[in-house]
Each structure stands twice: as structure tokens, then as C-alpha cells.
Amino acid sequence: MKRLFAVLAASAMSLSVWAGAAFQTLDRQSASALVQPARHNHPTIVALWSSECPHCKKNLALYAHVAKRDKRVRLVTIAAEPAWAGLAAPLDKLGVPGDRYAYGDDASEAIAHALDPGWRGELPRTLVFDGRGGHVAVSGVIDEQTLRRALGLSGTTRK
């Protein structure tokens, strides 16, 4: 009975486990909830990426660096593709911390629109929340100074 409960609980949380790394799957409702500014009471980076996007990996390396140096920063990654066996490898290789999400069964366009109605699908796409209700969306490669400014952080880091 306990085992059945554990299986049902894991299914209810919509987790996809591949090679030891868990990805929560997103539908349009959970995607919309994830990017509500009120949900982010700490500086937060929500990085939309794809396993085939070299510029995404450049951003992910920066985000991992910033999140490790400044413990105020929360990092959330969203693979703009369904979970598959090798999806965690780029994140693991770069040492990317934080919650991991991947697209679920809803239409990818519906999930993308729920995440950011102004997004046209270009990658990388980053949603940056300052933890005080403000947020910005950035397409393309971002530099550390721009990122820290969007996060509402001064030039200092906190360990």
C-alpha cells in the first residue's frame, strides 16, 4: 500500500526522472503559475533553454556562476522541449543548480504563451525577477552586469 501511494504521489507531481535528474513537466496552467511575479520573493532567474542551443549553454553557465556566488539568487531552468534521457547532461556538465522543468503534454505553443505572452520562441529567453514584484524578459545572450541589474542586486555578492 505504501508503495502504491508513493507511485501515485510521484505521478501527481508530474515528475520525469532521467539519468538521476528530475524534471517537473509543465502544462499551460503550471507554466503560468511559475512565472507570476508574486511567487518570486527572492531574485530569481527563469532560464528557457534547449539542448540544441549553444547560446543557451553560455547563459546557463553564467546563471550557474551567479547563483553559486550569490545565495540570494534562485535559478529555475525550463527546457523548451519534452524531457528525454539526455536532457540533464548539459545542466549537470555546467553545474546548474535549481529546479528543473521541461515541457509536458500540452501544445508547446500554449506552454510558451503561458510562460511569456510576448515570447516568439527565440532562444535563449530569460525571465528575471527582482524579488520585489518587478521582472523583465530578455532574449539572447546576457552579460553579468545586465543580469545583476535586472535581479535588483548591487555590485556586491553575498555568499
Protein backbone atom coordinates (compact mmCIF):
# COMPACT_ATOMS: atom_id res chain seq x y z
CA MET A 1 0.00 0.00 0.00
CA LYS A 2 2.83 2.41 0.86
CA ARG A 3 4.48 1.67 -2.46
CA LEU A 4 1.26 2.36 -4.37
CA PHE A 5 0.90 5.67 -2.52
CA ALA A 6 4.49 6.62 -3.42
CA VAL A 7 3.89 5.83 -7.10
CA LEU A 8 0.68 7.83 -7.15
CA ALA A 9 2.31 10.77 -5.37
CA ALA A 10 5.16 10.86 -7.85
CA SER A 11 2.72 10.72 -10.75
CA ALA A 12 0.65 13.52 -9.30
CA MET A 13 3.71 15.76 -9.11
CA SER A 14 4.35 15.18 -12.84
CA LEU A 15 7.99 14.29 -12.41
CA SER A 16 10.05 12.84 -15.21
CA VAL A 17 13.22 11.19 -13.98
CA TRP A 18 16.03 10.65 -16.44
CA ALA A 19 19.56 9.58 -15.51
CA GLY A 20 19.07 10.60 -11.88
CA ALA A 21 17.88 14.16 -12.56
CA ALA A 22 14.25 15.09 -12.03
CA PHE A 23 12.37 17.38 -14.36
CA GLN A 24 8.92 18.57 -13.45
CA THR A 25 6.74 18.75 -16.52
CA LEU A 26 4.82 21.90 -17.32
CA ASP A 27 1.38 22.34 -18.75
CA ARG A 28 -0.05 25.78 -19.53
CA GLN A 29 -1.54 26.17 -16.04
CA SER A 30 1.61 25.26 -14.11
CA ALA A 31 3.72 27.34 -16.53
CA SER A 32 1.57 30.40 -15.91
CA ALA A 33 1.76 29.91 -12.14
CA LEU A 34 5.55 29.50 -12.25
CA VAL A 35 6.13 32.96 -13.74
CA GLN A 36 3.82 35.00 -11.52
CA PRO A 37 5.97 37.82 -10.07
CA ALA A 38 4.34 37.47 -6.63
CA ARG A 39 5.69 33.91 -6.46
CA HIS A 40 9.28 35.17 -6.52
CA ASN A 41 10.15 36.86 -3.23
CA HIS A 42 13.89 36.43 -3.92
CA PRO A 43 15.86 37.46 -7.01
CA THR A 44 15.08 34.68 -9.49
CA ILE A 45 16.31 33.70 -12.93
CA VAL A 46 13.94 31.60 -15.05
CA ALA A 47 16.03 30.34 -17.96
CA LEU A 48 14.29 28.94 -21.03
CA TRP A 49 16.69 26.79 -22.99
CA SER A 50 17.04 23.89 -25.41
CA SER A 51 19.54 21.06 -25.58
CA GLU A 52 20.48 22.10 -29.14
CA CYS A 53 21.04 25.80 -28.38
CA PRO A 54 24.72 26.80 -27.93
CA HIS A 55 23.81 30.33 -26.78
CA CYS A 56 21.56 28.81 -24.13
CA LYS A 57 24.51 26.96 -22.67
CA LYS A 58 26.50 30.20 -22.49
CA ASN A 59 23.70 31.81 -20.48
CA LEU A 60 23.28 28.73 -18.28
CA ALA A 61 26.99 28.83 -17.38
CA LEU A 62 26.63 32.48 -16.32
CA TYR A 63 23.46 31.78 -14.33
CA ALA A 64 25.11 28.88 -12.51
CA HIS A 65 28.08 31.11 -11.68
CA VAL A 66 25.87 33.93 -10.36
CA ALA A 67 23.63 31.59 -8.36
CA LYS A 68 26.63 29.90 -6.73
CA ARG A 69 28.32 33.21 -5.87
CA ASP A 70 25.20 34.92 -4.54
CA LYS A 71 22.98 32.79 -2.33
CA ARG A 72 20.10 35.29 -2.69
CA VAL A 73 19.63 34.20 -6.31
CA ARG A 74 17.28 31.36 -7.18
CA LEU A 75 17.71 29.64 -10.54
CA VAL A 76 14.92 27.82 -12.37
CA THR A 77 15.52 26.16 -15.74
CA ILE A 78 12.85 25.28 -18.28
CA ALA A 79 13.74 23.07 -21.23
CA ALA A 80 11.59 24.21 -24.16
CA GLU A 81 11.21 20.56 -25.13
CA PRO A 82 9.90 17.38 -23.53
CA ALA A 83 12.10 15.53 -21.03
CA TRP A 84 14.27 12.78 -22.51
CA ALA A 85 17.13 10.60 -21.30
CA GLY A 86 20.00 13.01 -22.03
CA LEU A 87 18.30 16.29 -21.17
CA ALA A 88 20.01 16.72 -17.81
CA ALA A 89 23.53 16.30 -19.23
CA PRO A 90 24.11 19.95 -20.27
CA LEU A 91 22.83 21.22 -16.91
CA ASP A 92 24.91 18.70 -14.99
CA LYS A 93 28.03 19.47 -17.03
CA LEU A 94 27.69 23.19 -16.28
CA GLY A 95 26.83 22.60 -12.62
CA VAL A 96 23.46 24.33 -12.95
CA PRO A 97 21.61 24.28 -9.61
CA GLY A 98 17.91 24.77 -9.00
CA ASP A 99 14.55 23.44 -10.05
CA ARG A 100 14.33 21.84 -13.48
CA TYR A 101 11.28 21.85 -15.70
CA ALA A 102 10.52 20.55 -19.18
CA TYR A 103 7.54 20.89 -21.47
CA GLY A 104 4.73 18.46 -20.78
CA ASP A 105 1.85 17.18 -22.90
CA ASP A 106 0.15 20.50 -23.71
CA ALA A 107 0.96 22.08 -27.07
CA SER A 108 4.38 23.71 -26.90
CA GLU A 109 2.91 26.99 -28.20
CA ALA A 110 0.38 27.03 -25.35
CA ILE A 111 3.10 26.44 -22.74
CA ALA A 112 5.32 29.12 -24.31
CA HIS A 113 2.46 31.62 -24.30
CA ALA A 114 1.66 30.82 -20.67
CA LEU A 115 5.30 31.42 -19.71
CA ASP A 116 5.61 34.69 -21.60
CA PRO A 117 2.89 36.04 -23.93
CA GLY A 118 5.47 38.32 -25.59
CA TRP A 119 7.83 35.48 -26.42
CA ARG A 120 8.06 34.38 -30.05
CA GLY A 121 10.08 31.22 -29.41
CA GLU A 122 13.62 32.57 -29.79
CA LEU A 123 16.21 31.04 -27.50
CA PRO A 124 17.72 31.68 -25.13
CA ARG A 125 14.93 33.51 -23.31
CA THR A 126 15.35 34.62 -19.72
CA LEU A 127 12.74 35.90 -17.30
CA VAL A 128 14.39 37.82 -14.48
CA PHE A 129 12.51 38.60 -11.26
CA ASP A 130 13.92 41.09 -8.76
CA GLY A 131 12.08 39.58 -5.78
CA ARG A 132 10.07 42.76 -5.22
CA GLY A 133 7.43 42.32 -7.93
CA GLY A 134 9.47 43.56 -10.87
CA HIS A 135 10.50 41.43 -13.79
CA VAL A 136 11.95 41.67 -17.28
CA ALA A 137 12.23 39.28 -20.21
CA VAL A 138 15.44 39.11 -22.23
CA SER A 139 16.10 37.24 -25.46
CA GLY A 140 19.62 36.24 -26.43
CA VAL A 141 22.89 36.14 -24.56
CA ILE A 142 23.02 38.31 -21.44
CA ASP A 143 26.06 39.68 -19.61
CA GLU A 144 26.57 39.53 -15.85
CA GLN A 145 26.17 43.25 -15.24
CA THR A 146 22.84 43.38 -17.07
CA LEU A 147 21.68 40.26 -15.25
CA ARG A 148 22.62 41.58 -11.80
CA ARG A 149 20.90 44.89 -12.54
CA ALA A 150 17.71 43.09 -13.62
CA LEU A 151 17.86 40.95 -10.47
CA GLY A 152 17.99 44.15 -8.40
CA LEU A 153 21.39 43.26 -6.97
CA SER A 154 24.18 45.71 -6.30
CA GLY A 155 27.72 45.05 -7.46
CA THR A 156 28.44 43.07 -4.29
CA THR A 157 27.94 39.37 -3.91
CA ARG A 158 26.77 37.50 -0.85
CA LYS A 159 27.98 34.02 -0.07
